[in-house]
Amino acid sequence: MTSLTHLNLSHVGFKGNIPPQIGNLFNLLYLDLSYVASKTIPSQIRNLSRLIYLNLRGPSYADKAFIYENVDWLSILSELQYLDLGGADLSQSFHSLHTLQALPSLMHLYLSRCTLSHYN
C-alpha cells in the first residue's frame, strides 16, 4: 500500500484513535479524514509531506469538536493546497493561524465552525 495516492476514510467512525501507521503512506496526495470519530490525529501524519489535499473536518455538534493543541506539524506539509479544519477547536493552538499562513501552496482553507483563541 505504499504506492497509494488517494485515501478517503470520511465517516468511518474509528472506535479508537487513527492508527499511527497512516504515516507510512508516504505517497499520499489526497487524505480525507472528515467526520472520523477519533479526535486525535497521530503525529506521524507529518510524514505525508506530499499531501496536496487534507480534510480533517469534524462533527457539526460542539461537544464533539476536535481539540488541536498544536498544529505546527502542518508547516511540514509544504505542498498542501486544500485544508479543511472545520469544526476544530484551535483555541489551545496559540500559533495556529501563523502556521497556516506559512503554507506556501495553500489555496483553499476552510475554518467554518472553528474555535480560535482571542490572540488569533
PDB file of N, CA and C in Angstrom:
ATOM      1  N   MET A   1       0.800  -1.194   0.000  1.00  0.00           N
ATOM      2  CA  MET A   1       0.000   0.000   0.000  1.00  0.00           C
ATOM      3  C   MET A   1       0.850   1.269   0.000  1.00  0.00           C
ATOM      4  N   THR A   2       2.146   1.137  -0.074  1.00  0.00           N
ATOM      5  CA  THR A   2       2.990   2.328  -0.042  1.00  0.00           C
ATOM      6  C   THR A   2       2.840   3.178  -1.296  1.00  0.00           C
ATOM      7  N   SER A   3       2.282   2.626  -2.364  1.00  0.00           N
ATOM      8  CA  SER A   3       2.101   3.404  -3.587  1.00  0.00           C
ATOM      9  C   SER A   3       0.729   4.102  -3.637  1.00  0.00           C
ATOM     10  N   LEU A   4      -0.065   3.952  -2.596  1.00  0.00           N
ATOM     11  CA  LEU A   4      -1.383   4.562  -2.518  1.00  0.00           C
ATOM     12  C   LEU A   4      -1.275   6.087  -2.564  1.00  0.00           C
ATOM     13  N   THR A   5      -2.089   6.740  -3.413  1.00  0.00           N
ATOM     14  CA  THR A   5      -2.045   8.198  -3.528  1.00  0.00           C
ATOM     15  C   THR A   5      -3.319   8.863  -3.013  1.00  0.00           C
ATOM     16  N   HIS A   6      -4.450   8.157  -2.976  1.00  0.00           N
ATOM     17  CA  HIS A   6      -5.717   8.715  -2.509  1.00  0.00           C
ATOM     18  C   HIS A   6      -6.304   7.801  -1.440  1.00  0.00           C
ATOM     19  N   LEU A   7      -6.715   8.397  -0.320  1.00  0.00           N
ATOM     20  CA  LEU A   7      -7.336   7.629   0.753  1.00  0.00           C
ATOM     21  C   LEU A   7      -8.484   8.444   1.346  1.00  0.00           C
ATOM     22  N   ASN A   8      -9.682   7.907   1.264  1.00  0.00           N
ATOM     23  CA  ASN A   8     -10.861   8.572   1.798  1.00  0.00           C
ATOM     24  C   ASN A   8     -11.433   7.710   2.908  1.00  0.00           C
ATOM     25  N   LEU A   9     -11.281   8.173   4.141  1.00  0.00           N
ATOM     26  CA  LEU A   9     -11.815   7.473   5.302  1.00  0.00           C
ATOM     27  C   LEU A   9     -12.922   8.288   5.972  1.00  0.00           C
ATOM     28  N   SER A  10     -13.521   9.206   5.229  1.00  0.00           N
ATOM     29  CA  SER A  10     -14.556  10.054   5.815  1.00  0.00           C
ATOM     30  C   SER A  10     -15.723   9.208   6.317  1.00  0.00           C
ATOM     31  N   HIS A  11     -16.286   9.614   7.438  1.00  0.00           N
ATOM     32  CA  HIS A  11     -17.439   8.970   8.067  1.00  0.00           C
ATOM     33  C   HIS A  11     -17.169   7.532   8.500  1.00  0.00           C
ATOM     34  N   VAL A  12     -15.902   7.149   8.671  1.00  0.00           N
ATOM     35  CA  VAL A  12     -15.579   5.769   9.029  1.00  0.00           C
ATOM     36  C   VAL A  12     -15.958   5.462  10.471  1.00  0.00           C
ATOM     37  N   GLY A  13     -15.668   6.353  11.403  1.00  0.00           N
ATOM     38  CA  GLY A  13     -16.050   6.142  12.797  1.00  0.00           C
ATOM     39  C   GLY A  13     -15.138   5.188  13.535  1.00  0.00           C
ATOM     40  N   PHE A  14     -13.823   5.427  13.490  1.00  0.00           N
ATOM     41  CA  PHE A  14     -12.889   4.609  14.270  1.00  0.00           C
ATOM     42  C   PHE A  14     -13.345   4.564  15.721  1.00  0.00           C
ATOM     43  N   LYS A  15     -13.268   3.403  16.347  1.00  0.00           N
ATOM     44  CA  LYS A  15     -13.637   3.280  17.756  1.00  0.00           C
ATOM     45  C   LYS A  15     -12.506   3.792  18.647  1.00  0.00           C
ATOM     46  N   GLY A  16     -11.275   3.709  18.177  1.00  0.00           N
ATOM     47  CA  GLY A  16     -10.135   4.225  18.930  1.00  0.00           C
ATOM     48  C   GLY A  16      -9.519   5.380  18.167  1.00  0.00           C
ATOM     49  N   ASN A  17      -8.223   5.476  18.229  1.00  0.00           N
ATOM     50  CA  ASN A  17      -7.518   6.539  17.512  1.00  0.00           C
ATOM     51  C   ASN A  17      -7.186   6.104  16.102  1.00  0.00           C
ATOM     52  N   ILE A  18      -6.924   7.077  15.260  1.00  0.00           N
ATOM     53  CA  ILE A  18      -6.453   6.783  13.905  1.00  0.00           C
ATOM     54  C   ILE A  18      -5.087   6.124  14.046  1.00  0.00           C
ATOM     55  N   PRO A  19      -4.865   4.985  13.405  1.00  0.00           N
ATOM     56  CA  PRO A  19      -3.600   4.269  13.572  1.00  0.00           C
ATOM     57  C   PRO A  19      -2.405   5.113  13.123  1.00  0.00           C
ATOM     58  N   PRO A  20      -1.331   5.132  13.916  1.00  0.00           N
ATOM     59  CA  PRO A  20      -0.143   5.908  13.548  1.00  0.00           C
ATOM     60  C   PRO A  20       0.518   5.416  12.257  1.00  0.00           C
ATOM     61  N   GLN A  21       0.202   4.183  11.847  1.00  0.00           N
ATOM     62  CA  GLN A  21       0.766   3.623  10.614  1.00  0.00           C
ATOM     63  C   GLN A  21       0.324   4.404   9.386  1.00  0.00           C
ATOM     64  N   ILE A  22      -0.649   5.289   9.534  1.00  0.00           N
ATOM     65  CA  ILE A  22      -1.082   6.108   8.401  1.00  0.00           C
ATOM     66  C   ILE A  22       0.099   6.937   7.890  1.00  0.00           C
ATOM     67  N   GLY A  23       1.039   7.236   8.755  1.00  0.00           N
ATOM     68  CA  GLY A  23       2.233   7.988   8.383  1.00  0.00           C
ATOM     69  C   GLY A  23       3.173   7.221   7.467  1.00  0.00           C
ATOM     70  N   ASN A  24       2.933   5.923   7.289  1.00  0.00           N
ATOM     71  CA  ASN A  24       3.758   5.108   6.393  1.00  0.00           C
ATOM     72  C   ASN A  24       3.318   5.206   4.938  1.00  0.00           C
ATOM     73  N   LEU A  25       2.228   5.885   4.680  1.00  0.00           N
ATOM     74  CA  LEU A  25       1.703   6.014   3.317  1.00  0.00           C
ATOM     75  C   LEU A  25       2.316   7.254   2.658  1.00  0.00           C
ATOM     76  N   PHE A  26       3.620   7.210   2.474  1.00  0.00           N
ATOM     77  CA  PHE A  26       4.423   8.357   2.031  1.00  0.00           C
ATOM     78  C   PHE A  26       3.961   8.994   0.725  1.00  0.00           C
ATOM     79  N   ASN A  27       3.331   8.236  -0.144  1.00  0.00           N
ATOM     80  CA  ASN A  27       2.953   8.751  -1.462  1.00  0.00           C
ATOM     81  C   ASN A  27       1.558   9.358  -1.517  1.00  0.00           C
ATOM     82  N   LEU A  28       0.893   9.450  -0.364  1.00  0.00           N
ATOM     83  CA  LEU A  28      -0.455  10.018  -0.362  1.00  0.00           C
ATOM     84  C   LEU A  28      -0.437  11.463  -0.833  1.00  0.00           C
ATOM     85  N   LEU A  29      -1.350  11.768  -1.736  1.00  0.00           N
ATOM     86  CA  LEU A  29      -1.568  13.135  -2.203  1.00  0.00           C
ATOM     87  C   LEU A  29      -2.889  13.665  -1.664  1.00  0.00           C
ATOM     88  N   TYR A  30      -3.831  12.769  -1.415  1.00  0.00           N
ATOM     89  CA  TYR A  30      -5.198  13.110  -1.019  1.00  0.00           C
ATOM     90  C   TYR A  30      -5.556  12.290   0.213  1.00  0.00           C
ATOM     91  N   LEU A  31      -5.930  12.966   1.293  1.00  0.00           N
ATOM     92  CA  LEU A  31      -6.345  12.268   2.509  1.00  0.00           C
ATOM     93  C   LEU A  31      -7.579  12.945   3.078  1.00  0.00           C
ATOM     94  N   ASP A  32      -8.659  12.184   3.179  1.00  0.00           N
ATOM     95  CA  ASP A  32      -9.906  12.705   3.728  1.00  0.00           C
ATOM     96  C   ASP A  32     -10.233  11.937   5.004  1.00  0.00           C
ATOM     97  N   LEU A  33     -10.115  12.622   6.132  1.00  0.00           N
ATOM     98  CA  LEU A  33     -10.456  12.057   7.431  1.00  0.00           C
ATOM     99  C   LEU A  33     -11.641  12.803   8.039  1.00  0.00           C
ATOM    100  N   SER A  34     -12.463  13.400   7.198  1.00  0.00           N
ATOM    101  CA  SER A  34     -13.593  14.183   7.701  1.00  0.00           C
ATOM    102  C   SER A  34     -14.612  13.290   8.399  1.00  0.00           C
ATOM    103  N   TYR A  35     -15.145  13.816   9.456  1.00  0.00           N
ATOM    104  CA  TYR A  35     -16.188  13.162  10.247  1.00  0.00           C
ATOM    105  C   TYR A  35     -15.775  11.798  10.784  1.00  0.00           C
ATOM    106  N   VAL A  36     -14.494  11.618  11.016  1.00  0.00           N
ATOM    107  CA  VAL A  36     -13.991  10.406  11.655  1.00  0.00           C
ATOM    108  C   VAL A  36     -14.196  10.578  13.151  1.00  0.00           C
ATOM    109  N   ALA A  37     -14.640   9.552  13.850  1.00  0.00           N
ATOM    110  CA  ALA A  37     -14.993   9.668  15.266  1.00  0.00           C
ATOM    111  C   ALA A  37     -13.790  10.008  16.154  1.00  0.00           C
ATOM    112  N   SER A  38     -12.603   9.612  15.770  1.00  0.00           N
ATOM    113  CA  SER A  38     -11.413   9.864  16.581  1.00  0.00           C
ATOM    114  C   SER A  38     -11.093  11.354  16.613  1.00  0.00           C
ATOM    115  N   LYS A  39     -10.784  11.868  17.793  1.00  0.00           N
ATOM    116  CA  LYS A  39     -10.426  13.273  17.936  1.00  0.00           C
ATOM    117  C   LYS A  39      -8.914  13.481  17.878  1.00  0.00           C
ATOM    118  N   THR A  40      -8.155  12.414  17.801  1.00  0.00           N
ATOM    119  CA  THR A  40      -6.700  12.520  17.836  1.00  0.00           C
ATOM    120  C   THR A  40      -6.116  12.235  16.459  1.00  0.00           C
ATOM    121  N   ILE A  41      -5.351  13.185  15.964  1.00  0.00           N
ATOM    122  CA  ILE A  41      -4.636  12.997  14.703  1.00  0.00           C
ATOM    123  C   ILE A  41      -3.221  12.578  15.076  1.00  0.00           C
ATOM    124  N   PRO A  42      -2.767  11.400  14.637  1.00  0.00           N
ATOM    125  CA  PRO A  42      -1.433  10.947  15.038  1.00  0.00           C
ATOM    126  C   PRO A  42      -0.340  11.853  14.479  1.00  0.00           C
ATOM    127  N   SER A  43       0.711  12.046  15.260  1.00  0.00           N
ATOM    128  CA  SER A  43       1.818  12.919  14.843  1.00  0.00           C
ATOM    129  C   SER A  43       2.508  12.401  13.586  1.00  0.00           C
ATOM    130  N   GLN A  44       2.373  11.120  13.292  1.00  0.00           N
ATOM    131  CA  GLN A  44       3.001  10.522  12.108  1.00  0.00           C
ATOM    132  C   GLN A  44       2.432  11.081  10.809  1.00  0.00           C
ATOM    133  N   ILE A  45       1.325  11.800  10.888  1.00  0.00           N
ATOM    134  CA  ILE A  45       0.749  12.377   9.679  1.00  0.00           C
ATOM    135  C   ILE A  45       1.724  13.377   9.051  1.00  0.00           C
ATOM    136  N   ARG A  46       2.639  13.901   9.854  1.00  0.00           N
ATOM    137  CA  ARG A  46       3.638  14.831   9.325  1.00  0.00           C
ATOM    138  C   ARG A  46       4.559  14.163   8.302  1.00  0.00           C
ATOM    139  N   ASN A  47       4.589  12.840   8.273  1.00  0.00           N
ATOM    140  CA  ASN A  47       5.400  12.110   7.289  1.00  0.00           C
ATOM    141  C   ASN A  47       4.795  12.178   5.888  1.00  0.00           C
ATOM    142  N   LEU A  48       3.575  12.643   5.781  1.00  0.00           N
ATOM    143  CA  LEU A  48       2.871  12.684   4.499  1.00  0.00           C
ATOM    144  C   LEU A  48       3.158  14.010   3.795  1.00  0.00           C
ATOM    145  N   SER A  49       4.409  14.282   3.578  1.00  0.00           N
ATOM    146  CA  SER A  49       4.860  15.582   3.072  1.00  0.00           C
ATOM    147  C   SER A  49       4.428  15.867   1.631  1.00  0.00           C
ATOM    148  N   ARG A  50       3.908  14.875   0.924  1.00  0.00           N
ATOM    149  CA  ARG A  50       3.461  15.082  -0.461  1.00  0.00           C
ATOM    150  C   ARG A  50       1.981  15.455  -0.549  1.00  0.00           C
ATOM    151  N   LEU A  51       1.290  15.504   0.588  1.00  0.00           N
ATOM    152  CA  LEU A  51      -0.145  15.793   0.586  1.00  0.00           C
ATOM    153  C   LEU A  51      -0.459  17.111  -0.097  1.00  0.00           C
ATOM    154  N   ILE A  52      -1.458  17.063  -0.948  1.00  0.00           N
ATOM    155  CA  ILE A  52      -1.986  18.255  -1.613  1.00  0.00           C
ATOM    156  C   ILE A  52      -3.356  18.592  -1.019  1.00  0.00           C
ATOM    157  N   TYR A  53      -4.093  17.562  -0.600  1.00  0.00           N
ATOM    158  CA  TYR A  53      -5.457  17.701  -0.090  1.00  0.00           C
ATOM    159  C   TYR A  53      -5.537  17.032   1.276  1.00  0.00           C
ATOM    160  N   LEU A  54      -5.993  17.775   2.283  1.00  0.00           N
ATOM    161  CA  LEU A  54      -6.178  17.208   3.624  1.00  0.00           C
ATOM    162  C   LEU A  54      -7.478  17.728   4.205  1.00  0.00           C
ATOM    163  N   ASN A  55      -8.392  16.817   4.506  1.00  0.00           N
ATOM    164  CA  ASN A  55      -9.678  17.186   5.085  1.00  0.00           C
ATOM    165  C   ASN A  55      -9.775  16.556   6.468  1.00  0.00           C
ATOM    166  N   LEU A  56      -9.801  17.413   7.489  1.00  0.00           N
ATOM    167  CA  LEU A  56      -9.927  16.978   8.872  1.00  0.00           C
ATOM    168  C   LEU A  56     -11.206  17.524   9.504  1.00  0.00           C
ATOM    169  N   ARG A  57     -12.193  17.852   8.678  1.00  0.00           N
ATOM    170  CA  ARG A  57     -13.447  18.441   9.169  1.00  0.00           C
ATOM    171  C   ARG A  57     -14.053  17.541  10.225  1.00  0.00           C
ATOM    172  N   GLY A  58     -14.496  18.179  11.306  1.00  0.00           N
ATOM    173  CA  GLY A  58     -15.074  17.441  12.420  1.00  0.00           C
ATOM    174  C   GLY A  58     -16.581  17.441  12.404  1.00  0.00           C
ATOM    175  N   PRO A  59     -17.166  16.832  13.408  1.00  0.00           N
ATOM    176  CA  PRO A  59     -18.631  16.757  13.522  1.00  0.00           C
ATOM    177  C   PRO A  59     -19.253  18.144  13.635  1.00  0.00           C
ATOM    178  N   SER A  60     -20.550  18.221  13.394  1.00  0.00           N
ATOM    179  CA  SER A  60     -21.220  19.516  13.394  1.00  0.00           C
ATOM    180  C   SER A  60     -21.781  19.898  14.755  1.00  0.00           C
ATOM    181  N   TYR A  61     -21.529  19.124  15.777  1.00  0.00           N
ATOM    182  CA  TYR A  61     -22.019  19.489  17.102  1.00  0.00           C
ATOM    183  C   TYR A  61     -20.831  19.797  18.006  1.00  0.00           C
ATOM    184  N   ALA A  62     -20.955  20.875  18.773  1.00  0.00           N
ATOM    185  CA  ALA A  62     -19.836  21.471  19.510  1.00  0.00           C
ATOM    186  C   ALA A  62     -19.201  20.533  20.534  1.00  0.00           C
ATOM    187  N   ASP A  63     -19.959  19.672  21.172  1.00  0.00           N
ATOM    188  CA  ASP A  63     -19.387  18.825  22.220  1.00  0.00           C
ATOM    189  C   ASP A  63     -18.439  17.768  21.656  1.00  0.00           C
ATOM    190  N   LYS A  64     -18.414  17.607  20.360  1.00  0.00           N
ATOM    191  CA  LYS A  64     -17.521  16.636  19.731  1.00  0.00           C
ATOM    192  C   LYS A  64     -16.378  17.308  18.971  1.00  0.00           C
ATOM    193  N   ALA A  65     -16.153  18.597  19.192  1.00  0.00           N
ATOM    194  CA  ALA A  65     -15.126  19.329  18.452  1.00  0.00           C
ATOM    195  C   ALA A  65     -13.754  18.710  18.659  1.00  0.00           C
ATOM    196  N   PHE A  66     -12.989  18.642  17.592  1.00  0.00           N
ATOM    197  CA  PHE A  66     -11.619  18.166  17.687  1.00  0.00           C
ATOM    198  C   PHE A  66     -10.800  19.266  18.325  1.00  0.00           C
ATOM    199  N   ILE A  67     -10.037  18.957  19.340  1.00  0.00           N
ATOM    200  CA  ILE A  67      -9.204  19.948  20.003  1.00  0.00           C
ATOM    201  C   ILE A  67      -7.768  19.729  19.552  1.00  0.00           C
ATOM    202  N   TYR A  68      -7.239  20.698  18.825  1.00  0.00           N
ATOM    203  CA  TYR A  68      -5.861  20.631  18.369  1.00  0.00           C
ATOM    204  C   TYR A  68      -5.032  21.592  19.204  1.00  0.00           C
ATOM    205  N   GLU A  69      -4.211  21.040  20.093  1.00  0.00           N
ATOM    206  CA  GLU A  69      -3.373  21.879  20.936  1.00  0.00           C
ATOM    207  C   GLU A  69      -2.161  22.383  20.174  1.00  0.00           C
ATOM    208  N   ASN A  70      -1.825  21.714  19.096  1.00  0.00           N
ATOM    209  CA  ASN A  70      -0.650  22.108  18.342  1.00  0.00           C
ATOM    210  C   ASN A  70      -0.856  21.707  16.877  1.00  0.00           C
ATOM    211  N   VAL A  71      -0.842  22.677  15.991  1.00  0.00           N
ATOM    212  CA  VAL A  71      -0.951  22.386  14.558  1.00  0.00           C
ATOM    213  C   VAL A  71       0.353  22.726  13.828  1.00  0.00           C
ATOM    214  N   ASP A  72       1.432  22.862  14.585  1.00  0.00           N
ATOM    215  CA  ASP A  72       2.725  23.182  13.974  1.00  0.00           C
ATOM    216  C   ASP A  72       3.165  22.133  12.961  1.00  0.00           C
ATOM    217  N   TRP A  73       2.724  20.897  13.148  1.00  0.00           N
ATOM    218  CA  TRP A  73       3.087  19.826  12.220  1.00  0.00           C
ATOM    219  C   TRP A  73       2.591  20.117  10.803  1.00  0.00           C
ATOM    220  N   LEU A  74       1.582  20.961  10.667  1.00  0.00           N
ATOM    221  CA  LEU A  74       1.078  21.317   9.339  1.00  0.00           C
ATOM    222  C   LEU A  74       2.127  22.050   8.505  1.00  0.00           C
ATOM    223  N   SER A  75       3.044  22.741   9.148  1.00  0.00           N
ATOM    224  CA  SER A  75       4.053  23.510   8.416  1.00  0.00           C
ATOM    225  C   SER A  75       4.968  22.611   7.579  1.00  0.00           C
ATOM    226  N   ILE A  76       5.038  21.352   7.920  1.00  0.00           N
ATOM    227  CA  ILE A  76       5.855  20.393   7.163  1.00  0.00           C
ATOM    228  C   ILE A  76       5.191  20.046   5.826  1.00  0.00           C
ATOM    229  N   LEU A  77       3.881  20.228   5.741  1.00  0.00           N
ATOM    230  CA  LEU A  77       3.126  19.865   4.545  1.00  0.00           C
ATOM    231  C   LEU A  77       3.149  21.014   3.541  1.00  0.00           C
ATOM    232  N   SER A  78       4.302  21.290   3.013  1.00  0.00           N
ATOM    233  CA  SER A  78       4.517  22.465   2.158  1.00  0.00           C
ATOM    234  C   SER A  78       3.811  22.376   0.800  1.00  0.00           C
ATOM    235  N   GLU A  79       3.390  21.194   0.380  1.00  0.00           N
ATOM    236  CA  GLU A  79       2.695  21.024  -0.896  1.00  0.00           C
ATOM    237  C   GLU A  79       1.184  21.188  -0.765  1.00  0.00           C
ATOM    238  N   LEU A  80       0.698  21.312   0.469  1.00  0.00           N
ATOM    239  CA  LEU A  80      -0.734  21.357   0.743  1.00  0.00           C
ATOM    240  C   LEU A  80      -1.401  22.525   0.039  1.00  0.00           C
ATOM    241  N   GLN A  81      -2.447  22.208  -0.742  1.00  0.00           N
ATOM    242  CA  GLN A  81      -3.218  23.227  -1.456  1.00  0.00           C
ATOM    243  C   GLN A  81      -4.611  23.393  -0.867  1.00  0.00           C
ATOM    244  N   TYR A  82      -5.149  22.327  -0.280  1.00  0.00           N
ATOM    245  CA  TYR A  82      -6.513  22.325   0.267  1.00  0.00           C
ATOM    246  C   TYR A  82      -6.450  21.822   1.702  1.00  0.00           C
ATOM    247  N   LEU A  83      -6.999  22.591   2.629  1.00  0.00           N
ATOM    248  CA  LEU A  83      -7.032  22.182   4.029  1.00  0.00           C
ATOM    249  C   LEU A  83      -8.382  22.564   4.628  1.00  0.00           C
ATOM    250  N   ASP A  84      -9.055  21.579   5.204  1.00  0.00           N
ATOM    251  CA  ASP A  84     -10.337  21.810   5.869  1.00  0.00           C
ATOM    252  C   ASP A  84     -10.201  21.378   7.322  1.00  0.00           C
ATOM    253  N   LEU A  85     -10.291  22.339   8.231  1.00  0.00           N
ATOM    254  CA  LEU A  85     -10.250  22.075   9.666  1.00  0.00           C
ATOM    255  C   LEU A  85     -11.590  22.425  10.317  1.00  0.00           C
ATOM    256  N   GLY A  86     -12.648  22.459   9.530  1.00  0.00           N
ATOM    257  CA  GLY A  86     -13.966  22.857  10.021  1.00  0.00           C
ATOM    258  C   GLY A  86     -14.382  22.116  11.275  1.00  0.00           C
ATOM    259  N   GLY A  87     -14.901  22.872  12.237  1.00  0.00           N
ATOM    260  CA  GLY A  87     -15.378  22.285  13.477  1.00  0.00           C
ATOM    261  C   GLY A  87     -14.305  22.032  14.514  1.00  0.00           C
ATOM    262  N   ALA A  88     -13.067  22.385  14.239  1.00  0.00           N
ATOM    263  CA  ALA A  88     -11.970  22.126  15.166  1.00  0.00           C
ATOM    264  C   ALA A  88     -11.887  23.214  16.234  1.00  0.00           C
ATOM    265  N   ASP A  89     -11.423  22.821  17.399  1.00  0.00           N
ATOM    266  CA  ASP A  89     -11.144  23.782  18.463  1.00  0.00           C
ATOM    267  C   ASP A  89      -9.652  24.083  18.401  1.00  0.00           C
ATOM    268  N   LEU A  90      -9.325  25.240  17.880  1.00  0.00           N
ATOM    269  CA  LEU A  90      -7.928  25.661  17.743  1.00  0.00           C
ATOM    270  C   LEU A  90      -7.541  26.665  18.822  1.00  0.00           C
ATOM    271  N   SER A  91      -8.386  26.819  19.840  1.00  0.00           N
ATOM    272  CA  SER A  91      -8.131  27.830  20.864  1.00  0.00           C
ATOM    273  C   SER A  91      -6.896  27.523  21.701  1.00  0.00           C
ATOM    274  N   GLN A  92      -6.483  26.271  21.769  1.00  0.00           N
ATOM    275  CA  GLN A  92      -5.289  25.901  22.524  1.00  0.00           C
ATOM    276  C   GLN A  92      -4.028  25.955  21.677  1.00  0.00           C
ATOM    277  N   SER A  93      -4.196  26.119  20.387  1.00  0.00           N
ATOM    278  CA  SER A  93      -3.072  26.182  19.455  1.00  0.00           C
ATOM    279  C   SER A  93      -2.730  27.654  19.216  1.00  0.00           C
ATOM    280  N   PHE A  94      -1.838  28.172  20.016  1.00  0.00           N
ATOM    281  CA  PHE A  94      -1.533  29.592  20.064  1.00  0.00           C
ATOM    282  C   PHE A  94      -1.112  30.162  18.713  1.00  0.00           C
ATOM    283  N   HIS A  95      -0.319  29.431  17.962  1.00  0.00           N
ATOM    284  CA  HIS A  95       0.226  29.927  16.697  1.00  0.00           C
ATOM    285  C   HIS A  95      -0.484  29.338  15.473  1.00  0.00           C
ATOM    286  N   SER A  96      -1.701  28.845  15.635  1.00  0.00           N
ATOM    287  CA  SER A  96      -2.368  28.130  14.548  1.00  0.00           C
ATOM    288  C   SER A  96      -2.462  28.946  13.263  1.00  0.00           C
ATOM    289  N   LEU A  97      -2.915  30.174  13.316  1.00  0.00           N
ATOM    290  CA  LEU A  97      -3.055  30.956  12.087  1.00  0.00           C
ATOM    291  C   LEU A  97      -1.708  31.328  11.483  1.00  0.00           C
ATOM    292  N   HIS A  98      -0.706  31.519  12.325  1.00  0.00           N
ATOM    293  CA  HIS A  98       0.641  31.792  11.803  1.00  0.00           C
ATOM    294  C   HIS A  98       1.175  30.578  11.044  1.00  0.00           C
ATOM    295  N   THR A  99       0.908  29.407  11.585  1.00  0.00           N
ATOM    296  CA  THR A  99       1.331  28.172  10.922  1.00  0.00           C
ATOM    297  C   THR A  99       0.632  28.023   9.579  1.00  0.00           C
ATOM    298  N   LEU A 100      -0.662  28.277   9.546  1.00  0.00           N
ATOM    299  CA  LEU A 100      -1.435  28.145   8.316  1.00  0.00           C
ATOM    300  C   LEU A 100      -1.015  29.192   7.289  1.00  0.00           C
ATOM    301  N   GLN A 101      -0.696  30.363   7.766  1.00  0.00           N
ATOM    302  CA  GLN A 101      -0.261  31.440   6.881  1.00  0.00           C
ATOM    303  C   GLN A 101       1.051  31.108   6.177  1.00  0.00           C
ATOM    304  N   ALA A 102       1.862  30.297   6.808  1.00  0.00           N
ATOM    305  CA  ALA A 102       3.184  29.974   6.281  1.00  0.00           C
ATOM    306  C   ALA A 102       3.177  28.852   5.241  1.00  0.00           C
ATOM    307  N   LEU A 103       2.019  28.258   4.986  1.00  0.00           N
ATOM    308  CA  LEU A 103       1.949  27.177   3.995  1.00  0.00           C
ATOM    309  C   LEU A 103       2.016  27.789   2.591  1.00  0.00           C
ATOM    310  N   PRO A 104       3.101  27.570   1.865  1.00  0.00           N
ATOM    311  CA  PRO A 104       3.335  28.284   0.608  1.00  0.00           C
ATOM    312  C   PRO A 104       2.376  27.943  -0.531  1.00  0.00           C
ATOM    313  N   SER A 105       1.837  26.730  -0.555  1.00  0.00           N
ATOM    314  CA  SER A 105       0.993  26.300  -1.679  1.00  0.00           C
ATOM    315  C   SER A 105      -0.497  26.361  -1.379  1.00  0.00           C
ATOM    316  N   LEU A 106      -0.866  26.717  -0.147  1.00  0.00           N
ATOM    317  CA  LEU A 106      -2.262  26.676   0.275  1.00  0.00           C
ATOM    318  C   LEU A 106      -3.125  27.655  -0.519  1.00  0.00           C
ATOM    319  N   MET A 107      -4.168  27.128  -1.164  1.00  0.00           N
ATOM    320  CA  MET A 107      -5.098  27.943  -1.943  1.00  0.00           C
ATOM    321  C   MET A 107      -6.513  27.908  -1.367  1.00  0.00           C
ATOM    322  N   HIS A 108      -6.863  26.830  -0.657  1.00  0.00           N
ATOM    323  CA  HIS A 108      -8.205  26.658  -0.097  1.00  0.00           C
ATOM    324  C   HIS A 108      -8.074  26.308   1.379  1.00  0.00           C
ATOM    325  N   LEU A 109      -8.604  27.176   2.233  1.00  0.00           N
ATOM    326  CA  LEU A 109      -8.565  26.960   3.675  1.00  0.00           C
ATOM    327  C   LEU A 109      -9.974  27.129   4.221  1.00  0.00           C
ATOM    328  N   TYR A 110     -10.462  26.107   4.906  1.00  0.00           N
ATOM    329  CA  TYR A 110     -11.807  26.131   5.465  1.00  0.00           C
ATOM    330  C   TYR A 110     -11.720  26.008   6.989  1.00  0.00           C
ATOM    331  N   LEU A 111     -12.241  27.020   7.684  1.00  0.00           N
ATOM    332  CA  LEU A 111     -12.212  27.064   9.136  1.00  0.00           C
ATOM    333  C   LEU A 111     -13.618  27.281   9.707  1.00  0.00           C
ATOM    334  N   SER A 112     -14.637  26.861   8.982  1.00  0.00           N
ATOM    335  CA  SER A 112     -16.004  27.069   9.452  1.00  0.00           C
ATOM    336  C   SER A 112     -16.230  26.341  10.780  1.00  0.00           C
ATOM    337  N   ARG A 113     -16.980  26.993  11.674  1.00  0.00           N
ATOM    338  CA  ARG A 113     -17.300  26.456  12.990  1.00  0.00           C
ATOM    339  C   ARG A 113     -16.071  26.182  13.845  1.00  0.00           C
ATOM    340  N   CYS A 114     -14.949  26.818  13.552  1.00  0.00           N
ATOM    341  CA  CYS A 114     -13.732  26.652  14.366  1.00  0.00           C
ATOM    342  C   CYS A 114     -13.778  27.581  15.571  1.00  0.00           C
ATOM    343  N   THR A 115     -13.152  27.142  16.629  1.00  0.00           N
ATOM    344  CA  THR A 115     -12.952  27.992  17.788  1.00  0.00           C
ATOM    345  C   THR A 115     -11.497  28.422  17.774  1.00  0.00           C
ATOM    346  N   LEU A 116     -11.291  29.742  17.691  1.00  0.00           N
ATOM    347  CA  LEU A 116      -9.948  30.289  17.646  1.00  0.00           C
ATOM    348  C   LEU A 116      -9.663  31.021  18.950  1.00  0.00           C
ATOM    349  N   SER A 117      -8.399  31.117  19.310  1.00  0.00           N
ATOM    350  CA  SER A 117      -8.055  31.869  20.520  1.00  0.00           C
ATOM    351  C   SER A 117      -8.260  33.348  20.265  1.00  0.00           C
ATOM    352  N   HIS A 118      -8.396  34.118  21.305  1.00  0.00           N
ATOM    353  CA  HIS A 118      -8.588  35.560  21.174  1.00  0.00           C
ATOM    354  C   HIS A 118      -7.384  36.206  20.514  1.00  0.00           C
ATOM    355  N   TYR A 119      -6.209  35.630  20.723  1.00  0.00           N
ATOM    356  CA  TYR A 119      -4.981  36.161  20.116  1.00  0.00           C
ATOM    357  C   TYR A 119      -5.065  36.118  18.609  1.00  0.00           C
ATOM    358  N   ASN A 120      -5.591  35.016  18.053  1.00  0.00           N
ATOM    359  CA  ASN A 120      -5.674  34.853  16.608  1.00  0.00           C
ATOM    360  C   ASN A 120      -6.658  35.843  16.006  1.00  0.00           C
TER     361      ASN A 120
END
